[in-house]
Amino acid sequence: MEDRTIDNPVTGERATYIETSHETGSARSVIDLEVKPGGGVTTHRHAGHDERIDVLEGEIEVTIDGARRRLGAGEHVVIERDTVHSWRNPTPDRPLRFRGMMTPGHPGFENVLRVLFGLARDGEVRRNGIPKRFSDVGLLIDLDPSLVAGMLRLVAPLARWSARRPSARRRAGELLRRYGCERESG
């Protein structure tokens, strides 16, 4: 793995890989995330792993199956696989720093972050952080299909089909190389 720390200039997030799935023999993926005030992620789920969030600094608001919960430094929450959830930094002026641990490890999820943050650095995402190219959305869904929840589930099959066209497959290979993704995915 090239860089252990990656930045997303569009969303203001920074991710540092503490342990990768490859390094732990697929036991876990551990990533520290820094999130600017107001930042966060939309509704999603993880079919293949549980997610534990340990708040290191600031506050996080986690919504699990529609129920909101606010946590501060020293607190944690465990989100079981297949649970629809979102999280955000609810504060207007303080950064959030937390450690996310996925068990078992998930190289596809690790690669999603690398590609998505890389596309943002290269100016290839919209202001909301979503890739401009539909086939790039398809690549992200291919890397971790379980992330898709909500309305995005309706277009996921079309996005995945788009990512499998020959030109999109060449681009996918180039993006995975460009952003230093580990070869295993799933």
N, C-alpha and C. Protein backbone atom coordinates (compact mmCIF):
# COMPACT_ATOMS: atom_id res chain seq x y z
N MET A 1 0.86 -1.18 0.00
CA MET A 1 0.00 0.00 0.00
C MET A 1 0.89 1.23 0.00
N GLU A 2 0.57 2.15 -0.87
CA GLU A 2 1.38 3.36 -0.98
C GLU A 2 1.15 4.27 0.24
N ASP A 3 0.26 5.21 0.12
CA ASP A 3 0.01 6.17 1.20
C ASP A 3 -0.95 5.58 2.21
N ARG A 4 -0.61 5.72 3.48
CA ARG A 4 -1.50 5.26 4.55
C ARG A 4 -2.55 6.31 4.86
N THR A 5 -2.27 7.58 4.50
CA THR A 5 -3.24 8.66 4.74
C THR A 5 -3.66 9.26 3.41
N ILE A 6 -4.97 9.39 3.23
CA ILE A 6 -5.53 9.96 2.01
C ILE A 6 -6.52 11.06 2.39
N ASP A 7 -6.65 12.04 1.52
CA ASP A 7 -7.53 13.18 1.76
C ASP A 7 -8.57 13.30 0.67
N ASN A 8 -9.76 13.75 1.07
CA ASN A 8 -10.82 14.07 0.13
C ASN A 8 -11.07 15.58 0.25
N PRO A 9 -10.55 16.36 -0.71
CA PRO A 9 -10.69 17.81 -0.61
C PRO A 9 -12.12 18.31 -0.81
N VAL A 10 -12.97 17.50 -1.38
CA VAL A 10 -14.36 17.92 -1.61
C VAL A 10 -15.18 17.80 -0.33
N THR A 11 -15.04 16.69 0.36
CA THR A 11 -15.83 16.46 1.57
C THR A 11 -15.09 16.90 2.84
N GLY A 12 -13.79 17.15 2.72
CA GLY A 12 -13.01 17.55 3.88
C GLY A 12 -12.64 16.40 4.80
N GLU A 13 -12.72 15.18 4.31
CA GLU A 13 -12.37 14.01 5.11
C GLU A 13 -10.91 13.63 4.91
N ARG A 14 -10.35 13.02 5.93
CA ARG A 14 -9.00 12.44 5.86
C ARG A 14 -9.10 11.04 6.46
N ALA A 15 -8.56 10.06 5.76
CA ALA A 15 -8.58 8.67 6.23
C ALA A 15 -7.14 8.18 6.37
N THR A 16 -6.86 7.53 7.49
CA THR A 16 -5.56 6.92 7.73
C THR A 16 -5.78 5.44 7.98
N TYR A 17 -5.16 4.61 7.14
CA TYR A 17 -5.27 3.17 7.29
C TYR A 17 -4.35 2.72 8.43
N ILE A 18 -4.95 2.22 9.50
CA ILE A 18 -4.19 1.73 10.65
C ILE A 18 -3.81 0.27 10.42
N GLU A 19 -4.80 -0.54 10.04
CA GLU A 19 -4.58 -1.94 9.66
C GLU A 19 -5.48 -2.25 8.48
N THR A 20 -4.92 -2.90 7.46
CA THR A 20 -5.73 -3.29 6.31
C THR A 20 -6.13 -4.76 6.44
N SER A 21 -7.12 -5.13 5.66
CA SER A 21 -7.56 -6.51 5.63
C SER A 21 -6.40 -7.43 5.26
N HIS A 22 -5.60 -7.01 4.30
CA HIS A 22 -4.45 -7.80 3.88
C HIS A 22 -3.46 -8.00 5.03
N GLU A 23 -3.20 -6.94 5.78
CA GLU A 23 -2.24 -7.01 6.88
C GLU A 23 -2.72 -7.87 8.04
N THR A 24 -4.04 -8.00 8.21
CA THR A 24 -4.58 -8.76 9.34
C THR A 24 -5.10 -10.13 8.93
N GLY A 25 -4.76 -10.58 7.72
CA GLY A 25 -5.27 -11.86 7.27
C GLY A 25 -6.79 -11.89 7.17
N SER A 26 -7.36 -10.77 6.78
CA SER A 26 -8.81 -10.58 6.60
C SER A 26 -9.59 -10.49 7.91
N ALA A 27 -8.90 -10.41 9.05
CA ALA A 27 -9.60 -10.34 10.34
C ALA A 27 -10.32 -9.01 10.52
N ARG A 28 -9.71 -7.91 10.06
CA ARG A 28 -10.31 -6.60 10.26
C ARG A 28 -9.68 -5.57 9.34
N SER A 29 -10.39 -4.47 9.17
CA SER A 29 -9.90 -3.26 8.53
C SER A 29 -10.07 -2.16 9.57
N VAL A 30 -9.00 -1.39 9.84
CA VAL A 30 -9.08 -0.32 10.84
C VAL A 30 -8.62 0.97 10.18
N ILE A 31 -9.50 1.98 10.22
CA ILE A 31 -9.24 3.25 9.56
C ILE A 31 -9.62 4.39 10.50
N ASP A 32 -8.70 5.34 10.68
CA ASP A 32 -9.01 6.56 11.43
C ASP A 32 -9.53 7.59 10.44
N LEU A 33 -10.64 8.23 10.78
CA LEU A 33 -11.23 9.25 9.92
C LEU A 33 -11.31 10.58 10.64
N GLU A 34 -10.96 11.63 9.92
CA GLU A 34 -11.14 13.00 10.39
C GLU A 34 -12.19 13.64 9.49
N VAL A 35 -13.17 14.29 10.11
CA VAL A 35 -14.29 14.84 9.38
C VAL A 35 -14.51 16.29 9.80
N LYS A 36 -14.64 17.17 8.81
CA LYS A 36 -14.85 18.60 9.11
C LYS A 36 -16.25 18.81 9.70
N PRO A 37 -16.47 19.94 10.35
CA PRO A 37 -17.80 20.25 10.89
C PRO A 37 -18.86 20.15 9.80
N GLY A 38 -19.94 19.45 10.12
CA GLY A 38 -21.03 19.29 9.17
C GLY A 38 -20.84 18.15 8.19
N GLY A 39 -19.64 17.57 8.11
CA GLY A 39 -19.37 16.49 7.16
C GLY A 39 -19.96 15.17 7.62
N GLY A 40 -20.03 14.23 6.70
CA GLY A 40 -20.55 12.91 7.04
C GLY A 40 -20.84 12.10 5.80
N VAL A 41 -21.49 10.97 5.98
CA VAL A 41 -21.83 10.09 4.86
C VAL A 41 -23.33 9.85 4.82
N THR A 42 -23.82 9.56 3.64
CA THR A 42 -25.24 9.29 3.45
C THR A 42 -25.57 7.88 3.92
N THR A 43 -26.84 7.57 3.87
CA THR A 43 -27.34 6.26 4.27
C THR A 43 -26.67 5.16 3.45
N HIS A 44 -26.19 4.14 4.16
CA HIS A 44 -25.55 3.00 3.52
C HIS A 44 -25.63 1.80 4.45
N ARG A 45 -25.09 0.69 4.00
CA ARG A 45 -25.04 -0.51 4.83
C ARG A 45 -23.80 -1.30 4.45
N HIS A 46 -23.44 -2.26 5.28
CA HIS A 46 -22.33 -3.17 4.99
C HIS A 46 -22.84 -4.60 5.16
N ALA A 47 -22.95 -5.33 4.06
CA ALA A 47 -23.50 -6.68 4.13
C ALA A 47 -22.50 -7.69 4.69
N GLY A 48 -21.22 -7.44 4.48
CA GLY A 48 -20.23 -8.45 4.83
C GLY A 48 -19.46 -8.21 6.10
N HIS A 49 -19.74 -7.14 6.81
CA HIS A 49 -18.97 -6.90 8.04
C HIS A 49 -19.72 -6.01 9.02
N ASP A 50 -19.35 -6.16 10.29
CA ASP A 50 -19.83 -5.27 11.34
C ASP A 50 -18.91 -4.06 11.38
N GLU A 51 -19.43 -2.94 11.85
CA GLU A 51 -18.62 -1.72 11.93
C GLU A 51 -18.67 -1.20 13.37
N ARG A 52 -17.51 -0.96 13.92
CA ARG A 52 -17.41 -0.35 15.25
C ARG A 52 -16.82 1.05 15.07
N ILE A 53 -17.47 2.04 15.66
CA ILE A 53 -16.99 3.42 15.61
C ILE A 53 -16.60 3.83 17.02
N ASP A 54 -15.33 4.17 17.21
CA ASP A 54 -14.82 4.69 18.48
C ASP A 54 -14.51 6.16 18.28
N VAL A 55 -15.20 7.04 19.02
CA VAL A 55 -14.98 8.48 18.89
C VAL A 55 -13.71 8.85 19.65
N LEU A 56 -12.76 9.43 18.93
CA LEU A 56 -11.48 9.83 19.52
C LEU A 56 -11.49 11.30 19.92
N GLU A 57 -12.20 12.11 19.15
CA GLU A 57 -12.24 13.56 19.40
C GLU A 57 -13.50 14.13 18.76
N GLY A 58 -14.15 15.06 19.42
CA GLY A 58 -15.34 15.69 18.88
C GLY A 58 -16.59 14.87 19.15
N GLU A 59 -17.59 15.06 18.30
CA GLU A 59 -18.86 14.36 18.44
C GLU A 59 -19.28 13.78 17.10
N ILE A 60 -20.03 12.67 17.18
CA ILE A 60 -20.59 12.06 15.98
C ILE A 60 -22.07 11.82 16.22
N GLU A 61 -22.85 12.03 15.19
CA GLU A 61 -24.26 11.67 15.23
C GLU A 61 -24.44 10.48 14.30
N VAL A 62 -24.88 9.37 14.85
CA VAL A 62 -25.08 8.14 14.09
C VAL A 62 -26.58 7.88 14.02
N THR A 63 -27.06 7.60 12.81
CA THR A 63 -28.46 7.24 12.63
C THR A 63 -28.50 5.78 12.20
N ILE A 64 -29.14 4.97 13.02
CA ILE A 64 -29.22 3.53 12.77
C ILE A 64 -30.69 3.15 12.68
N ASP A 65 -31.08 2.65 11.51
CA ASP A 65 -32.48 2.29 11.27
C ASP A 65 -33.42 3.42 11.68
N GLY A 66 -33.04 4.66 11.38
CA GLY A 66 -33.88 5.82 11.63
C GLY A 66 -33.74 6.45 13.01
N ALA A 67 -33.05 5.79 13.94
CA ALA A 67 -32.89 6.33 15.30
C ALA A 67 -31.55 7.05 15.40
N ARG A 68 -31.59 8.32 15.84
CA ARG A 68 -30.36 9.12 15.96
C ARG A 68 -29.78 8.98 17.36
N ARG A 69 -28.44 8.96 17.37
CA ARG A 69 -27.71 8.86 18.63
C ARG A 69 -26.46 9.71 18.52
N ARG A 70 -26.18 10.49 19.54
CA ARG A 70 -24.99 11.35 19.55
C ARG A 70 -23.97 10.77 20.53
N LEU A 71 -22.71 10.71 20.07
CA LEU A 71 -21.64 10.16 20.90
C LEU A 71 -20.48 11.14 20.95
N GLY A 72 -19.78 11.14 22.09
CA GLY A 72 -18.62 11.99 22.26
C GLY A 72 -17.36 11.18 22.44
N ALA A 73 -16.24 11.87 22.62
CA ALA A 73 -14.94 11.22 22.79
C ALA A 73 -15.02 10.18 23.90
N GLY A 74 -14.44 9.01 23.62
CA GLY A 74 -14.43 7.92 24.59
C GLY A 74 -15.62 6.97 24.46
N GLU A 75 -16.59 7.32 23.63
CA GLU A 75 -17.76 6.46 23.46
C GLU A 75 -17.66 5.70 22.13
N HIS A 76 -18.42 4.62 22.02
CA HIS A 76 -18.41 3.85 20.78
C HIS A 76 -19.80 3.29 20.48
N VAL A 77 -19.95 2.86 19.26
CA VAL A 77 -21.18 2.21 18.82
C VAL A 77 -20.77 1.08 17.88
N VAL A 78 -21.50 -0.01 17.92
CA VAL A 78 -21.29 -1.13 17.00
C VAL A 78 -22.51 -1.22 16.09
N ILE A 79 -22.25 -1.24 14.79
CA ILE A 79 -23.31 -1.33 13.80
C ILE A 79 -23.19 -2.70 13.15
N GLU A 80 -24.19 -3.52 13.37
CA GLU A 80 -24.15 -4.88 12.84
C GLU A 80 -24.35 -4.89 11.33
N ARG A 81 -23.77 -5.90 10.69
CA ARG A 81 -23.89 -6.03 9.24
C ARG A 81 -25.35 -5.98 8.79
N ASP A 82 -25.54 -5.45 7.61
CA ASP A 82 -26.85 -5.30 6.97
C ASP A 82 -27.75 -4.26 7.64
N THR A 83 -27.21 -3.47 8.55
CA THR A 83 -27.99 -2.42 9.21
C THR A 83 -27.81 -1.11 8.44
N VAL A 84 -28.90 -0.53 8.01
CA VAL A 84 -28.86 0.74 7.29
C VAL A 84 -28.51 1.84 8.30
N HIS A 85 -27.52 2.65 7.95
CA HIS A 85 -27.06 3.68 8.88
C HIS A 85 -26.38 4.83 8.12
N SER A 86 -26.17 5.91 8.85
CA SER A 86 -25.40 7.06 8.35
C SER A 86 -24.71 7.67 9.55
N TRP A 87 -23.75 8.54 9.29
CA TRP A 87 -23.11 9.28 10.38
C TRP A 87 -22.68 10.64 9.88
N ARG A 88 -22.53 11.56 10.84
CA ARG A 88 -22.09 12.91 10.48
C ARG A 88 -21.50 13.60 11.70
N ASN A 89 -20.73 14.64 11.43
CA ASN A 89 -20.22 15.51 12.47
C ASN A 89 -21.27 16.60 12.67
N PRO A 90 -22.00 16.58 13.80
CA PRO A 90 -23.10 17.52 13.98
C PRO A 90 -22.67 18.91 14.45
N THR A 91 -21.40 19.09 14.73
CA THR A 91 -20.96 20.37 15.30
C THR A 91 -20.66 21.39 14.21
N PRO A 92 -20.90 22.67 14.50
CA PRO A 92 -20.63 23.71 13.51
C PRO A 92 -19.18 24.18 13.50
N ASP A 93 -18.40 23.80 14.52
CA ASP A 93 -17.06 24.40 14.62
C ASP A 93 -15.95 23.47 15.10
N ARG A 94 -16.23 22.19 15.28
CA ARG A 94 -15.20 21.28 15.78
C ARG A 94 -15.05 20.08 14.86
N PRO A 95 -13.82 19.70 14.57
CA PRO A 95 -13.62 18.50 13.77
C PRO A 95 -13.98 17.25 14.56
N LEU A 96 -14.29 16.20 13.85
CA LEU A 96 -14.57 14.88 14.41
C LEU A 96 -13.43 13.95 14.02
N ARG A 97 -12.97 13.17 14.96
CA ARG A 97 -11.96 12.14 14.67
C ARG A 97 -12.45 10.85 15.31
N PHE A 98 -12.55 9.80 14.48
CA PHE A 98 -12.97 8.52 15.02
C PHE A 98 -12.22 7.38 14.34
N ARG A 99 -12.22 6.24 15.03
CA ARG A 99 -11.61 5.03 14.47
C ARG A 99 -12.74 4.09 14.08
N GLY A 100 -12.73 3.68 12.82
CA GLY A 100 -13.70 2.72 12.33
C GLY A 100 -13.03 1.37 12.17
N MET A 101 -13.66 0.33 12.72
CA MET A 101 -13.12 -1.01 12.56
C MET A 101 -14.19 -1.91 11.96
N MET A 102 -13.85 -2.52 10.83
CA MET A 102 -14.75 -3.44 10.16
C MET A 102 -14.25 -4.86 10.41
N THR A 103 -15.16 -5.73 10.89
CA THR A 103 -14.81 -7.13 11.11
C THR A 103 -15.85 -8.00 10.42
N PRO A 104 -15.41 -8.94 9.61
CA PRO A 104 -14.02 -9.13 9.18
C PRO A 104 -13.56 -7.99 8.29
N GLY A 105 -12.28 -8.02 7.95
CA GLY A 105 -11.71 -6.98 7.09
C GLY A 105 -12.38 -6.98 5.73
N HIS A 106 -12.31 -5.83 5.06
CA HIS A 106 -12.99 -5.70 3.77
C HIS A 106 -12.13 -4.88 2.80
N PRO A 107 -11.32 -5.56 1.98
CA PRO A 107 -10.47 -4.83 1.03
C PRO A 107 -11.26 -4.02 0.01
N GLY A 108 -12.46 -4.47 -0.35
CA GLY A 108 -13.28 -3.69 -1.28
C GLY A 108 -13.64 -2.34 -0.71
N PHE A 109 -14.02 -2.30 0.55
CA PHE A 109 -14.33 -1.04 1.21
C PHE A 109 -13.10 -0.14 1.28
N GLU A 110 -11.95 -0.73 1.62
CA GLU A 110 -10.70 0.04 1.67
C GLU A 110 -10.40 0.67 0.31
N ASN A 111 -10.63 -0.09 -0.75
CA ASN A 111 -10.38 0.41 -2.10
C ASN A 111 -11.40 1.47 -2.53
N VAL A 112 -12.66 1.33 -2.07
CA VAL A 112 -13.67 2.36 -2.35
C VAL A 112 -13.18 3.71 -1.86
N LEU A 113 -12.66 3.76 -0.63
CA LEU A 113 -12.16 5.04 -0.10
C LEU A 113 -11.01 5.57 -0.94
N ARG A 114 -10.08 4.70 -1.30
CA ARG A 114 -8.93 5.14 -2.10
C ARG A 114 -9.37 5.74 -3.44
N VAL A 115 -10.27 5.04 -4.14
CA VAL A 115 -10.73 5.52 -5.45
C VAL A 115 -11.56 6.79 -5.29
N LEU A 116 -12.50 6.80 -4.36
CA LEU A 116 -13.37 7.96 -4.19
C LEU A 116 -12.58 9.20 -3.80
N PHE A 117 -11.67 9.07 -2.83
CA PHE A 117 -10.85 10.21 -2.42
C PHE A 117 -9.92 10.64 -3.56
N GLY A 118 -9.39 9.68 -4.30
CA GLY A 118 -8.52 10.01 -5.44
C GLY A 118 -9.27 10.77 -6.52
N LEU A 119 -10.48 10.32 -6.84
CA LEU A 119 -11.29 11.03 -7.83
C LEU A 119 -11.56 12.46 -7.36
N ALA A 120 -11.81 12.63 -6.07
CA ALA A 120 -12.05 13.98 -5.53
C ALA A 120 -10.81 14.85 -5.69
N ARG A 121 -9.64 14.29 -5.40
CA ARG A 121 -8.39 15.06 -5.56
C ARG A 121 -8.17 15.47 -7.01
N ASP A 122 -8.61 14.62 -7.92
CA ASP A 122 -8.41 14.88 -9.34
C ASP A 122 -9.54 15.69 -9.98
N GLY A 123 -10.47 16.17 -9.17
CA GLY A 123 -11.56 16.99 -9.69
C GLY A 123 -12.60 16.21 -10.47
N GLU A 124 -12.73 14.91 -10.20
CA GLU A 124 -13.65 14.07 -10.97
C GLU A 124 -14.89 13.67 -10.17
N VAL A 125 -15.24 14.48 -9.15
CA VAL A 125 -16.49 14.27 -8.42
C VAL A 125 -17.28 15.58 -8.41
N ARG A 126 -18.56 15.44 -8.17
CA ARG A 126 -19.43 16.63 -8.04
C ARG A 126 -19.24 17.25 -6.66
N ARG A 127 -19.86 18.38 -6.44
CA ARG A 127 -19.75 19.06 -5.14
C ARG A 127 -20.23 18.20 -3.98
N ASN A 128 -21.16 17.28 -4.24
CA ASN A 128 -21.65 16.39 -3.19
C ASN A 128 -20.76 15.17 -2.96
N GLY A 129 -19.65 15.08 -3.72
CA GLY A 129 -18.70 13.99 -3.53
C GLY A 129 -18.96 12.76 -4.40
N ILE A 130 -20.04 12.77 -5.19
CA ILE A 130 -20.37 11.64 -6.05
C ILE A 130 -19.59 11.77 -7.36
N PRO A 131 -19.00 10.66 -7.85
CA PRO A 131 -18.25 10.74 -9.11
C PRO A 131 -19.08 11.28 -10.27
N LYS A 132 -18.43 12.04 -11.13
CA LYS A 132 -19.10 12.62 -12.30
C LYS A 132 -19.45 11.55 -13.33
N ARG A 133 -18.58 10.56 -13.49
CA ARG A 133 -18.83 9.50 -14.47
C ARG A 133 -19.67 8.39 -13.85
N PHE A 134 -20.72 8.02 -14.55
CA PHE A 134 -21.61 6.96 -14.06
C PHE A 134 -20.85 5.64 -13.92
N SER A 135 -19.92 5.38 -14.84
CA SER A 135 -19.16 4.13 -14.75
C SER A 135 -18.24 4.11 -13.53
N ASP A 136 -17.81 5.28 -13.05
CA ASP A 136 -17.02 5.33 -11.82
C ASP A 136 -17.88 4.99 -10.61
N VAL A 137 -19.14 5.42 -10.63
CA VAL A 137 -20.08 5.01 -9.57
C VAL A 137 -20.22 3.49 -9.61
N GLY A 138 -20.33 2.95 -10.81
CA GLY A 138 -20.42 1.50 -10.97
C GLY A 138 -19.21 0.77 -10.43
N LEU A 139 -18.02 1.32 -10.66
CA LEU A 139 -16.79 0.72 -10.12
C LEU A 139 -16.86 0.67 -8.60
N LEU A 140 -17.27 1.77 -7.96
CA LEU A 140 -17.36 1.80 -6.50
C LEU A 140 -18.35 0.75 -6.00
N ILE A 141 -19.47 0.62 -6.70
CA ILE A 141 -20.47 -0.38 -6.31
C ILE A 141 -19.91 -1.79 -6.51
N ASP A 142 -19.13 -2.00 -7.58
CA ASP A 142 -18.51 -3.31 -7.80
C ASP A 142 -17.51 -3.64 -6.69
N LEU A 143 -16.76 -2.64 -6.23
CA LEU A 143 -15.78 -2.88 -5.18
C LEU A 143 -16.43 -3.26 -3.86
N ASP A 144 -17.57 -2.66 -3.56
CA ASP A 144 -18.31 -2.99 -2.33
C ASP A 144 -19.80 -2.81 -2.58
N PRO A 145 -20.44 -3.84 -3.17
CA PRO A 145 -21.86 -3.74 -3.51
C PRO A 145 -22.77 -3.47 -2.31
N SER A 146 -22.35 -3.86 -1.14
CA SER A 146 -23.21 -3.73 0.02
C SER A 146 -23.38 -2.29 0.50
N LEU A 147 -22.53 -1.37 0.02
CA LEU A 147 -22.65 0.03 0.45
C LEU A 147 -23.94 0.67 -0.02
N VAL A 148 -24.52 0.14 -1.07
CA VAL A 148 -25.68 0.75 -1.70
C VAL A 148 -26.92 0.57 -0.82
N ALA A 149 -27.59 1.69 -0.55
CA ALA A 149 -28.84 1.67 0.22
C ALA A 149 -29.73 2.79 -0.30
N GLY A 150 -30.96 2.78 0.10
CA GLY A 150 -31.88 3.84 -0.28
C GLY A 150 -32.14 3.87 -1.78
N MET A 151 -32.34 5.07 -2.30
CA MET A 151 -32.69 5.25 -3.70
C MET A 151 -31.60 4.76 -4.66
N LEU A 152 -30.34 4.80 -4.22
CA LEU A 152 -29.25 4.36 -5.08
C LEU A 152 -29.39 2.89 -5.46
N ARG A 153 -30.09 2.12 -4.65
CA ARG A 153 -30.30 0.70 -4.97
C ARG A 153 -31.04 0.53 -6.29
N LEU A 154 -31.86 1.51 -6.66
CA LEU A 154 -32.63 1.41 -7.90
C LEU A 154 -31.75 1.51 -9.14
N VAL A 155 -30.69 2.31 -9.06
CA VAL A 155 -29.81 2.49 -10.22
C VAL A 155 -28.54 1.63 -10.14
N ALA A 156 -28.34 0.94 -9.03
CA ALA A 156 -27.12 0.13 -8.86
C ALA A 156 -26.91 -0.89 -9.98
N PRO A 157 -27.94 -1.65 -10.39
CA PRO A 157 -27.70 -2.61 -11.48
C PRO A 157 -27.23 -1.95 -12.77
N LEU A 158 -27.80 -0.81 -13.11
CA LEU A 158 -27.39 -0.09 -14.31
C LEU A 158 -25.95 0.44 -14.16
N ALA A 159 -25.63 0.95 -12.98
CA ALA A 159 -24.27 1.46 -12.74
C ALA A 159 -23.26 0.32 -12.84
N ARG A 160 -23.58 -0.83 -12.28
CA ARG A 160 -22.66 -1.98 -12.35
C ARG A 160 -22.50 -2.45 -13.80
N TRP A 161 -23.59 -2.45 -14.55
CA TRP A 161 -23.51 -2.81 -15.96
C TRP A 161 -22.59 -1.83 -16.70
N SER A 162 -22.77 -0.55 -16.42
CA SER A 162 -21.95 0.48 -17.05
C SER A 162 -20.47 0.28 -16.74
N ALA A 163 -20.16 -0.15 -15.53
CA ALA A 163 -18.77 -0.36 -15.12
C ALA A 163 -18.14 -1.58 -15.79
N ARG A 164 -18.96 -2.44 -16.36
CA ARG A 164 -18.44 -3.68 -16.96
C ARG A 164 -18.19 -3.56 -18.46
N ARG A 165 -18.53 -2.41 -19.06
CA ARG A 165 -18.24 -2.22 -20.48
C ARG A 165 -16.72 -2.21 -20.65
N PRO A 166 -16.22 -2.62 -21.80
CA PRO A 166 -14.76 -2.69 -21.98
C PRO A 166 -14.01 -1.39 -21.68
N SER A 167 -14.53 -0.26 -22.15
CA SER A 167 -13.83 1.00 -21.88
C SER A 167 -13.84 1.33 -20.39
N ALA A 168 -14.93 1.02 -19.70
CA ALA A 168 -15.01 1.29 -18.26
C ALA A 168 -14.09 0.35 -17.50
N ARG A 169 -13.94 -0.90 -17.98
CA ARG A 169 -13.04 -1.84 -17.30
C ARG A 169 -11.59 -1.38 -17.42
N ARG A 170 -11.23 -0.84 -18.57
CA ARG A 170 -9.87 -0.30 -18.73
C ARG A 170 -9.66 0.86 -17.77
N ARG A 171 -10.65 1.75 -17.71
CA ARG A 171 -10.55 2.88 -16.78
C ARG A 171 -10.49 2.40 -15.33
N ALA A 172 -11.29 1.41 -14.98
CA ALA A 172 -11.27 0.88 -13.61
C ALA A 172 -9.89 0.37 -13.25
N GLY A 173 -9.26 -0.38 -14.15
CA GLY A 173 -7.91 -0.87 -13.89
C GLY A 173 -6.93 0.27 -13.70
N GLU A 174 -7.08 1.31 -14.53
CA GLU A 174 -6.19 2.47 -14.42
C GLU A 174 -6.41 3.20 -13.09
N LEU A 175 -7.67 3.36 -12.66
CA LEU A 175 -7.96 4.04 -11.40
C LEU A 175 -7.42 3.24 -10.21
N LEU A 176 -7.59 1.93 -10.24
CA LEU A 176 -7.09 1.09 -9.14
C LEU A 176 -5.57 1.21 -9.03
N ARG A 177 -4.89 1.26 -10.16
CA ARG A 177 -3.42 1.45 -10.14
C ARG A 177 -3.07 2.86 -9.68
N ARG A 178 -3.74 3.86 -10.24
CA ARG A 178 -3.43 5.26 -9.93
C ARG A 178 -3.56 5.56 -8.45
N TYR A 179 -4.57 4.99 -7.81
CA TYR A 179 -4.83 5.32 -6.41
C TYR A 179 -4.26 4.30 -5.43
N GLY A 180 -3.40 3.40 -5.91
CA GLY A 180 -2.67 2.50 -5.02
C GLY A 180 -3.52 1.46 -4.31
N CYS A 181 -4.55 0.95 -4.99
CA CYS A 181 -5.40 -0.04 -4.38
C CYS A 181 -4.71 -1.39 -4.33
N GLU A 182 -5.00 -2.11 -3.26
CA GLU A 182 -4.51 -3.49 -3.17
C GLU A 182 -5.29 -4.33 -4.14
N ARG A 183 -4.69 -5.33 -4.68
CA ARG A 183 -5.29 -6.14 -5.73
C ARG A 183 -6.52 -6.90 -5.29
N GLU A 184 -6.55 -7.41 -4.08
CA GLU A 184 -7.72 -8.16 -3.66
C GLU A 184 -8.89 -7.22 -3.48
N SER A 185 -10.08 -7.66 -3.77
CA SER A 185 -11.28 -6.87 -3.54
C SER A 185 -12.42 -7.82 -3.25
N GLY A 186 -13.52 -7.24 -2.77
CA GLY A 186 -14.65 -8.12 -2.49
C GLY A 186 -15.40 -7.63 -1.41
